Amino acid sequence: MRRREFLKRALAGLALTPGLGCNPGSRRKKPNIVLIMADDIGYECFGCYGSGQYRTPNLDELARTGIRFTHCYSQPLCTPSRVQIMTGRYNFRNYKAFGYLDPAEITFANVLKEAGYSTFIAGKWQLNGIKQYPGWQDAGRPGHFGFDEHCLWQLTHGRADGERYADPLIERDGELLTGLEDRYGPDLFCEAILDFIERNAAGPFFVYYPMALTHCPFWPTPDTPEWSDPAGRRPGDGYRGEKRYFPDMVRYLDKIIGRIVSRLNSLGLRDDTLVLFTSDNGTDRPIESKLGDRIIKGGKSEMTDAGTHVPLIANWGRSGATGTVCDDPVDFSDFLPTLAEAAAAALPGDRTIDGQSFLPQLRGQKGNPREWIFCHYWGRGRIEEQAREYVRDKRYKLYDNGAFYDLQSDPLEESPLQRPGSEAEQVRRRLQQAMASVKSGA
C-alpha cells in the first residue's frame, strides 16, 4: 500500500479535536508552525530561566512576549526524544534502536502534510540507523515521514564521514552538497529554512528544525576569534572538543533563532506563525552551569532533572498568550497532538497517541493540563540494557523500582523517601496508579 493511501486510511474516521471551533469546511486560516529543538542543552542555560552565565537575548524576548513553560520534560537522550516528539508516543511503544525511527510510525509532519501544510526539516536527522544498520538505509526516509523538503546532517552518512559544524557534510533533498569549505553547518540549515519560508509565505507551512547546536564537539563558531584560522576551527582532542567554546555555541544558537524570527517579521508572518523552542535532553555532562546560587552539572543520558528538564518557549505573536509563565507539566508526547489541534488536523486513528494538547495554554486559556508525566527510557536500545521508567508530577517522582523522591528538597535524587508523610504517601499512590494505567493501556 502506498504511504499516502495508508495515511488516508489511518487518519480517516477520526473527528477533528472537539472544541477547536474548526472543521474541514472552516475558513479559519491555519497557522504556520516553526518547531525548533536544540541539541544537548537544559533549561539552566537560558536567561529567561534565570541564567546569568549565557547570552540568549532572542529567546529571552520570545519568552517575554510569549509563554514560558517551567515543567517541560524530554527523554534523557537524543534518539528517544526525537522518536517521541515526532510520533506523540511513549518509547515502549515504538523505540527500536538508537539512531532509528521505525518506518511504520506516523509523524507530526505526516499529519500536517495531510492537513494541507508544506513541510520542511533542516538540521540533524540521525534516524536512519546510519551505517551500523545497513539494511535500514533509505535516502527517501524524510519524505516517507511527511517532509516535502529537507536539508540534513546524518541522513545517509555517519559522523565519521563528516561534521555538522566546520566544513560540514550536508544532504539537501537527496543531493550531497559540495563546496562547503569555510562554511558553518548551522548557518546552512538556517539559510535553507529562510529560503523555504520565503517560498511558502502564502502558507500554511511547517518547519521542523532539530538543531545541531549545542551538541559536542565544542568548537568555535563564526563569531569566535579562532574561526578566522582554519586550523583553529577544530581544536582539542577526542570526541567532545573544548568546553570553553560552549558559551559561544549557546550564543550562536540564539543568534540563529533571532534570524528566523526576524525573517518572519519582515515577511509579516509573525502573528500567523506559532514558534516553539525546546531541547532534546539535558546539557552534556562535562558542562557545569551556574543558575542563581546553584551549580548544575549537565546530566545528559541520566533520568534526573539534569537530563530531562528542558526549556519550552512558545510565541505566536498577537495570536497567542503574551508575557505568561505556565507551570503545567508538558512532555514530548504532547507536541504532536498540540500541532494537530493548531492545524485542525486529525490524529492517526489506528494507534495509541499518548500525548495531550497544550494548545489552549498557548492561547492563554486553562485547557486540560496534565497531572503527571511518564518516561520510559531504553537509551541505546541494546538487549543487555535495562529499560527504566518513572512517573512524576511537579514535585514528586516515582521510579519503577519503587524509589520515591521529593524533588523540591532533593533535586539531585540523592535520598529516596523511606517513610513519606501522609500527603506525600497519597501522591506516591496516585503516581503508582498512573504508571499502572499507562502500561495497562499498552
Protein backbone atom coordinates (compact mmCIF):
# COMPACT_ATOMS: atom_id res chain seq x y z
CA MET A 1 0.00 0.00 0.00
CA ARG A 2 1.36 3.42 -0.87
CA ARG A 3 2.24 5.68 2.05
CA ARG A 4 -0.35 8.31 1.11
CA GLU A 5 -3.14 5.75 0.84
CA PHE A 6 -2.13 4.24 4.20
CA LEU A 7 -2.20 7.66 5.87
CA LYS A 8 -5.61 8.49 4.47
CA ARG A 9 -6.98 5.26 5.91
CA ALA A 10 -5.22 5.79 9.24
CA LEU A 11 -6.48 9.35 9.57
CA ALA A 12 -9.97 8.65 8.29
CA GLY A 13 -12.76 8.11 10.71
CA LEU A 14 -11.31 10.25 13.49
CA ALA A 15 -13.13 13.54 14.02
CA LEU A 16 -11.18 16.72 14.48
CA THR A 17 -10.48 17.69 18.07
CA PRO A 18 -13.72 18.85 19.73
CA GLY A 19 -13.91 22.42 20.94
CA LEU A 20 -11.37 23.77 18.47
CA GLY A 21 -14.01 25.65 16.54
CA CYS A 22 -12.72 24.24 13.24
CA ASN A 23 -13.93 21.58 10.85
CA PRO A 24 -12.94 20.51 7.35
CA GLY A 25 -15.10 23.31 5.93
CA SER A 26 -13.83 26.01 8.26
CA ARG A 27 -12.48 29.19 6.65
CA ARG A 28 -10.24 29.94 9.58
CA LYS A 29 -6.64 30.29 8.40
CA LYS A 30 -4.30 27.55 9.57
CA PRO A 31 -1.25 28.91 11.42
CA ASN A 32 2.26 28.41 10.16
CA ILE A 33 4.32 26.37 12.65
CA VAL A 34 8.06 26.54 13.35
CA LEU A 35 9.28 23.93 15.86
CA ILE A 36 12.91 24.34 16.92
CA MET A 37 14.62 21.70 19.04
CA ALA A 38 18.16 22.41 20.29
CA ASP A 39 20.61 19.58 20.94
CA ASP A 40 22.05 18.80 24.38
CA ILE A 41 21.11 21.89 26.38
CA GLY A 42 18.98 22.07 29.51
CA TYR A 43 16.76 24.81 30.86
CA GLU A 44 19.55 26.19 33.06
CA CYS A 45 21.41 27.69 30.08
CA PHE A 46 18.88 30.41 29.19
CA GLY A 47 18.49 33.88 30.58
CA CYS A 48 14.70 33.64 30.76
CA TYR A 49 15.12 30.64 33.08
CA GLY A 50 17.45 32.57 35.38
CA SER A 51 20.90 32.07 33.84
CA GLY A 52 23.29 34.99 34.04
CA GLN A 53 26.11 32.97 32.51
CA TYR A 54 24.91 32.66 28.91
CA ARG A 55 23.64 35.29 26.48
CA THR A 56 20.29 34.39 24.91
CA PRO A 57 18.56 37.73 24.15
CA ASN A 58 16.41 36.48 21.27
CA LEU A 59 14.97 33.55 23.20
CA ASP A 60 14.55 35.74 26.26
CA GLU A 61 12.49 38.15 24.16
CA LEU A 62 10.36 35.32 22.76
CA ALA A 63 9.67 34.23 26.35
CA ARG A 64 8.96 37.79 27.50
CA THR A 65 6.42 38.37 24.73
CA GLY A 66 5.09 34.80 24.63
CA ILE A 67 4.78 31.96 27.10
CA ARG A 68 7.48 30.14 29.06
CA PHE A 69 6.81 26.69 30.47
CA THR A 70 8.59 25.74 33.69
CA HIS A 71 7.88 21.99 33.62
CA CYS A 72 8.74 20.58 30.21
CA TYR A 73 10.44 17.17 30.17
CA SER A 74 12.16 15.30 27.38
CA GLN A 75 13.75 11.89 27.27
CA PRO A 76 17.35 11.78 28.58
CA LEU A 77 18.96 11.12 25.17
CA CYS A 78 18.59 12.35 21.60
CA THR A 79 17.00 9.47 19.66
CA PRO A 80 14.46 8.54 22.36
CA SER A 81 13.39 12.21 22.47
CA ARG A 82 13.21 12.54 18.69
CA VAL A 83 11.13 9.39 18.30
CA GLN A 84 8.71 10.54 21.00
CA ILE A 85 8.28 14.17 19.93
CA MET A 86 7.70 13.23 16.28
CA THR A 87 5.15 10.47 16.95
CA GLY A 88 3.37 11.51 20.16
CA ARG A 89 4.01 8.03 21.56
CA TYR A 90 5.96 6.72 24.53
CA ASN A 91 9.18 4.87 23.78
CA PHE A 92 7.96 1.48 24.96
CA ARG A 93 5.57 1.53 22.00
CA ASN A 94 7.90 2.48 19.18
CA TYR A 95 11.59 2.74 20.14
CA LYS A 96 13.61 0.10 18.28
CA ALA A 97 17.24 1.22 18.46
CA PHE A 98 19.47 4.25 18.84
CA GLY A 99 19.58 6.43 15.73
CA TYR A 100 16.46 4.88 14.18
CA LEU A 101 12.80 5.71 13.65
CA ASP A 102 10.60 2.78 12.66
CA PRO A 103 9.10 3.41 9.18
CA ALA A 104 5.77 2.08 10.49
CA GLU A 105 5.38 5.23 12.61
CA ILE A 106 3.38 8.33 11.64
CA THR A 107 4.96 11.68 12.49
CA PHE A 108 3.66 15.20 13.03
CA ALA A 109 4.89 16.04 9.51
CA ASN A 110 2.69 13.28 8.05
CA VAL A 111 -0.28 14.63 9.99
CA LEU A 112 0.30 18.26 8.96
CA LYS A 113 1.01 17.38 5.34
CA GLU A 114 -2.33 15.59 5.16
CA ALA A 115 -3.90 18.77 6.55
CA GLY A 116 -2.53 20.82 3.66
CA TYR A 117 0.80 22.03 5.01
CA SER A 118 4.04 22.43 3.09
CA THR A 119 6.64 20.74 5.27
CA PHE A 120 10.39 21.12 5.74
CA ILE A 121 13.08 19.72 8.01
CA ALA A 122 16.61 21.06 8.47
CA GLY A 123 19.38 20.09 10.88
CA LYS A 124 20.23 16.76 12.48
CA TRP A 125 18.42 13.65 11.23
CA GLN A 126 20.17 10.58 12.72
CA LEU A 127 17.06 8.41 12.30
CA ASN A 128 18.06 6.02 9.50
CA GLY A 129 20.25 3.78 11.59
CA ILE A 130 23.32 5.26 9.80
CA LYS A 131 25.88 2.62 8.86
CA GLN A 132 25.56 0.28 11.83
CA TYR A 133 22.28 -0.98 10.32
CA PRO A 134 22.91 -1.11 6.54
CA GLY A 135 19.52 -2.62 5.78
CA TRP A 136 17.78 0.40 7.28
CA GLN A 137 19.31 2.98 4.97
CA ASP A 138 16.91 4.98 2.83
CA ALA A 139 17.69 8.43 1.43
CA GLY A 140 13.96 8.97 0.95
CA ARG A 141 13.07 8.47 4.60
CA PRO A 142 12.34 12.19 5.32
CA GLY A 143 9.73 12.16 2.55
CA HIS A 144 8.30 8.91 3.91
CA PHE A 145 7.82 10.68 7.25
CA GLY A 146 5.99 13.62 5.69
CA PHE A 147 8.64 16.19 4.82
CA ASP A 148 8.38 17.74 1.35
CA GLU A 149 11.94 19.07 1.51
CA HIS A 150 14.98 18.53 3.71
CA CYS A 151 18.47 19.85 4.47
CA LEU A 152 20.10 17.37 6.83
CA TRP A 153 23.22 16.10 8.52
CA GLN A 154 23.46 12.35 9.23
CA LEU A 155 20.86 11.26 6.74
CA THR A 156 22.79 8.54 4.86
CA HIS A 157 26.28 9.48 6.10
CA GLY A 158 27.51 8.97 9.66
CA ARG A 159 29.62 11.27 11.79
CA ALA A 160 32.80 9.55 10.65
CA ASP A 161 32.09 10.80 7.11
CA GLY A 162 31.88 14.49 8.01
CA GLU A 163 30.96 17.01 10.67
CA ARG A 164 27.95 19.23 11.27
CA TYR A 165 29.91 22.42 12.09
CA ALA A 166 33.09 23.50 10.25
CA ASP A 167 33.28 22.29 6.63
CA PRO A 168 30.05 20.31 7.07
CA LEU A 169 28.66 17.26 5.29
CA ILE A 170 25.03 18.06 4.44
CA GLU A 171 22.44 16.49 2.13
CA ARG A 172 19.78 18.69 0.54
CA ASP A 173 16.79 16.89 -0.96
CA GLY A 174 18.81 13.76 -1.62
CA GLU A 175 21.91 15.51 -3.00
CA LEU A 176 25.21 15.79 -1.17
CA LEU A 177 26.18 19.48 -1.09
CA THR A 178 29.65 20.42 -2.28
CA GLY A 179 31.86 23.48 -1.96
CA LEU A 180 31.16 23.91 1.75
CA GLU A 181 34.73 24.62 2.80
CA ASP A 182 34.81 27.58 5.19
CA ARG A 183 31.06 27.24 5.77
CA TYR A 184 29.35 26.57 9.11
CA GLY A 185 26.66 23.90 9.19
CA PRO A 186 24.16 25.77 11.41
CA ASP A 187 24.33 28.75 9.03
CA LEU A 188 23.46 26.49 6.10
CA PHE A 189 20.50 24.97 7.95
CA CYS A 190 19.26 28.46 8.81
CA GLU A 191 19.65 29.70 5.23
CA ALA A 192 17.68 26.70 3.95
CA ILE A 193 14.88 27.44 6.44
CA LEU A 194 14.73 31.10 5.47
CA ASP A 195 14.57 30.13 1.79
CA PHE A 196 11.74 27.67 2.45
CA ILE A 197 9.76 30.22 4.48
CA GLU A 198 10.08 32.86 1.76
CA ARG A 199 8.97 30.43 -0.96
CA ASN A 200 6.00 29.27 1.12
CA ALA A 201 5.00 32.57 2.73
CA ALA A 202 1.43 32.14 1.50
CA GLY A 203 1.24 29.20 3.91
CA PRO A 204 0.42 27.18 5.71
CA PHE A 205 3.89 25.76 6.30
CA PHE A 206 5.56 23.61 8.92
CA VAL A 207 9.28 23.88 9.67
CA TYR A 208 10.92 21.38 11.99
CA TYR A 209 14.44 22.42 12.96
CA PRO A 210 16.27 19.81 15.07
CA MET A 211 19.39 21.91 15.56
CA ALA A 212 22.98 20.68 15.57
CA LEU A 213 23.88 23.20 18.29
CA THR A 214 24.98 22.73 21.05
CA HIS A 215 26.00 19.08 20.74
CA CYS A 216 29.70 18.34 21.11
CA PRO A 217 32.32 18.65 19.73
CA PHE A 218 32.58 22.04 21.41
CA TRP A 219 34.18 24.07 18.65
CA PRO A 220 34.45 27.76 17.71
CA THR A 221 31.58 29.41 15.86
CA PRO A 222 31.99 32.03 13.12
CA ASP A 223 31.71 34.66 15.89
CA THR A 224 34.66 33.15 17.81
CA PRO A 225 38.11 34.67 17.06
CA GLU A 226 39.61 31.24 16.38
CA TRP A 227 37.26 30.81 13.42
CA SER A 228 39.44 33.12 11.31
CA ASP A 229 42.19 30.48 11.40
CA PRO A 230 41.10 27.27 9.62
CA ALA A 231 43.46 25.29 11.83
CA GLY A 232 41.69 26.66 14.91
CA ARG A 233 38.18 25.60 13.94
CA ARG A 234 38.64 22.03 15.17
CA PRO A 235 40.55 22.40 18.44
CA GLY A 236 41.07 19.80 21.11
CA ASP A 237 41.44 16.07 21.04
CA GLY A 238 38.79 13.39 21.23
CA TYR A 239 35.05 13.47 20.70
CA ARG A 240 34.00 16.46 22.79
CA GLY A 241 36.35 19.27 21.77
CA GLU A 242 36.92 22.05 24.31
CA LYS A 243 34.09 23.03 26.63
CA ARG A 244 35.32 26.64 26.83
CA TYR A 245 33.57 27.12 23.48
CA PHE A 246 30.18 26.03 24.83
CA PRO A 247 29.04 29.59 25.73
CA ASP A 248 29.88 30.71 22.18
CA MET A 249 27.73 27.88 20.82
CA VAL A 250 24.83 28.88 23.06
CA ARG A 251 25.15 32.46 21.84
CA TYR A 252 25.18 31.34 18.21
CA LEU A 253 22.13 29.11 18.76
CA ASP A 254 20.29 32.17 19.98
CA LYS A 255 21.57 34.26 17.07
CA ILE A 256 20.18 31.80 14.52
CA ILE A 257 16.78 31.80 16.19
CA GLY A 258 16.87 35.58 16.02
CA ARG A 259 17.47 35.37 12.27
CA ILE A 260 14.44 33.14 11.78
CA VAL A 261 12.16 35.36 13.87
CA SER A 262 13.45 38.46 12.07
CA ARG A 263 12.59 36.93 8.69
CA LEU A 264 9.10 36.04 9.88
CA ASN A 265 8.71 39.66 10.99
CA SER A 266 9.96 41.10 7.71
CA LEU A 267 7.52 38.91 5.77
CA GLY A 268 4.63 39.98 8.00
CA LEU A 269 4.10 36.42 9.24
CA ARG A 270 4.68 36.68 12.99
CA ASP A 271 1.04 36.81 14.07
CA ASP A 272 0.27 33.90 11.75
CA THR A 273 3.17 31.72 12.93
CA LEU A 274 3.44 29.64 16.08
CA VAL A 275 7.11 29.40 17.09
CA LEU A 276 8.06 26.70 19.60
CA PHE A 277 11.50 26.18 21.10
CA THR A 278 12.69 23.25 23.22
CA SER A 279 15.67 20.88 23.56
CA ASP A 280 16.07 17.13 23.11
CA ASN A 281 17.62 16.45 26.54
CA GLY A 282 19.72 17.98 29.30
CA THR A 283 23.15 19.51 28.89
CA ASP A 284 26.17 17.32 28.16
CA ARG A 285 27.89 16.06 31.30
CA PRO A 286 31.22 17.97 31.01
CA ILE A 287 29.34 21.30 31.22
CA GLU A 288 28.69 22.96 34.57
CA SER A 289 26.38 25.97 34.63
CA LYS A 290 25.51 28.47 37.31
CA LEU A 291 21.84 29.13 37.95
CA GLY A 292 21.44 31.60 40.77
CA ASP A 293 23.40 30.16 43.68
CA ARG A 294 23.32 26.63 42.26
CA ILE A 295 25.84 24.87 40.08
CA ILE A 296 24.07 22.45 37.74
CA LYS A 297 26.19 19.73 36.21
CA GLY A 298 24.99 18.54 32.82
CA GLY A 299 23.04 15.29 33.08
CA LYS A 300 22.56 14.08 29.51
CA SER A 301 21.59 10.37 29.45
CA GLU A 302 20.52 10.50 33.11
CA MET A 303 16.90 10.37 34.26
CA THR A 304 17.29 13.17 36.78
CA ASP A 305 16.14 16.75 36.10
CA ALA A 306 19.64 17.49 34.80
CA GLY A 307 18.98 15.02 32.00
CA THR A 308 15.28 15.63 31.27
CA HIS A 309 14.24 19.16 32.33
CA VAL A 310 14.31 21.24 29.15
CA PRO A 311 13.12 24.69 28.09
CA LEU A 312 9.83 25.23 26.32
CA ILE A 313 9.13 28.68 24.93
CA ALA A 314 6.15 29.44 22.69
CA ASN A 315 5.42 32.64 20.83
CA TRP A 316 2.50 33.24 18.49
CA GLY A 317 2.75 37.00 18.10
CA ARG A 318 -0.57 38.65 18.86
CA SER A 319 -2.42 35.38 18.26
CA GLY A 320 -1.18 33.72 21.46
CA ALA A 321 -0.58 34.34 25.13
CA THR A 322 1.89 37.11 25.97
CA GLY A 323 4.11 37.59 29.00
CA THR A 324 2.95 34.35 30.58
CA VAL A 325 4.69 31.71 32.71
CA CYS A 326 2.94 28.34 32.73
CA ASP A 327 3.61 25.68 35.37
CA ASP A 328 1.61 22.94 33.67
CA PRO A 329 3.62 19.74 33.03
CA VAL A 330 4.42 19.01 29.39
CA ASP A 331 6.24 16.02 27.95
CA PHE A 332 7.43 15.27 24.44
CA SER A 333 4.42 13.11 23.55
CA ASP A 334 2.30 16.27 23.79
CA PHE A 335 3.75 18.06 20.77
CA LEU A 336 2.07 16.03 18.03
CA PRO A 337 -1.49 16.45 19.38
CA THR A 338 -0.80 20.14 20.04
CA LEU A 339 0.35 20.76 16.47
CA ALA A 340 -2.54 18.70 15.12
CA GLU A 341 -5.07 20.75 17.08
CA ALA A 342 -3.48 24.01 15.96
CA ALA A 343 -3.74 22.84 12.34
CA ALA A 344 -7.27 21.42 12.70
CA ALA A 345 -5.80 18.07 11.67
CA ALA A 346 -6.94 14.58 12.63
CA LEU A 347 -4.75 12.32 14.72
CA PRO A 348 -3.95 8.82 13.48
CA GLY A 349 -6.86 6.58 14.38
CA ASP A 350 -5.08 3.23 14.20
CA ARG A 351 -2.65 3.61 17.12
CA THR A 352 -2.32 4.93 20.65
CA ILE A 353 -1.29 8.59 20.89
CA ASP A 354 -0.06 9.19 24.43
CA GLY A 355 0.19 12.96 24.40
CA GLN A 356 -2.41 15.58 25.10
CA SER A 357 -2.64 19.01 23.55
CA PHE A 358 -1.39 22.12 25.35
CA LEU A 359 -2.76 24.42 22.63
CA PRO A 360 -5.28 26.12 24.99
CA GLN A 361 -2.39 27.23 27.23
CA LEU A 362 -0.67 28.73 24.18
CA ARG A 363 -3.79 30.85 23.72
CA GLY A 364 -3.83 31.92 27.35
CA GLN A 365 -6.60 29.51 28.35
CA LYS A 366 -6.66 27.00 31.18
CA GLY A 367 -7.03 23.94 28.97
CA ASN A 368 -6.81 20.45 30.43
CA PRO A 369 -3.30 20.27 31.89
CA ARG A 370 -1.61 17.00 32.74
CA GLU A 371 -1.28 15.98 36.37
CA TRP A 372 1.81 13.85 35.71
CA ILE A 373 4.26 12.79 33.02
CA PHE A 374 5.64 9.35 32.22
CA CYS A 375 9.10 8.38 31.00
CA HIS A 376 10.21 5.03 29.56
CA TYR A 377 13.93 5.13 28.80
CA TRP A 378 15.88 2.47 26.93
CA GLY A 379 18.83 4.58 25.91
CA ARG A 380 20.86 2.70 23.32
CA GLY A 381 18.30 0.01 22.64
CA ARG A 382 20.75 -2.78 23.41
CA ILE A 383 19.47 -6.16 24.54
CA GLU A 384 21.65 -6.17 27.63
CA GLU A 385 20.49 -2.71 28.67
CA GLN A 386 17.82 -2.38 31.33
CA ALA A 387 14.88 -0.14 30.46
CA ARG A 388 13.86 2.27 33.21
CA GLU A 389 10.61 4.09 33.88
CA TYR A 390 9.31 6.85 36.11
CA VAL A 391 6.19 8.89 36.58
CA ARG A 392 6.25 12.31 38.22
CA ASP A 393 4.30 15.44 38.95
CA LYS A 394 5.79 18.87 39.53
CA ARG A 395 7.27 17.89 42.90
CA TYR A 396 7.41 14.11 43.40
CA LYS A 397 8.90 11.34 41.28
CA LEU A 398 8.33 7.58 41.43
CA TYR A 399 10.55 5.05 39.64
CA ASP A 400 9.58 1.57 38.50
CA ASN A 401 11.80 0.09 41.23
CA GLY A 402 9.81 1.90 43.91
CA ALA A 403 12.31 4.71 44.60
CA PHE A 404 10.33 7.83 45.50
CA TYR A 405 11.80 11.35 45.62
CA ASP A 406 10.76 14.80 46.75
CA LEU A 407 12.42 16.90 44.04
CA GLN A 408 11.71 20.14 45.85
CA SER A 409 14.10 19.22 48.65
CA ASP A 410 16.23 16.69 46.77
CA PRO A 411 16.64 17.78 43.10
CA LEU A 412 19.70 15.53 42.63
CA GLU A 413 17.74 12.46 43.82
CA GLU A 414 20.29 11.53 46.46
CA SER A 415 17.93 10.35 49.22
CA PRO A 416 14.73 8.46 48.34
CA LEU A 417 11.90 8.94 50.80
CA GLN A 418 11.78 5.92 53.09
CA ARG A 419 8.79 6.96 55.19
CA PRO A 420 6.74 9.53 53.26
CA GLY A 421 4.37 11.68 55.25
CA SER A 422 0.65 11.27 54.71
CA GLU A 423 0.46 13.89 51.95
CA ALA A 424 3.49 12.50 50.12
CA GLU A 425 2.18 8.97 50.51
CA GLN A 426 -1.08 9.97 48.82
CA VAL A 427 0.94 11.36 45.90
CA ARG A 428 3.05 8.20 45.74
CA ARG A 429 -0.05 6.04 45.44
CA ARG A 430 -1.50 8.32 42.79
CA LEU A 431 1.72 8.13 40.76
CA GLN A 432 1.80 4.37 41.18
CA GLN A 433 -1.72 4.16 39.76
CA ALA A 434 -0.73 6.45 36.90
CA MET A 435 2.21 4.22 35.95
CA ALA A 436 -0.03 1.17 36.01
CA SER A 437 -2.63 2.91 33.85
CA VAL A 438 -0.06 3.78 31.16
CA LYS A 439 1.19 0.22 30.86
CA SER A 440 -2.25 -1.36 31.09
CA GLY A 441 -3.25 0.65 28.02
CA ALA A 442 -0.29 -0.73 26.04
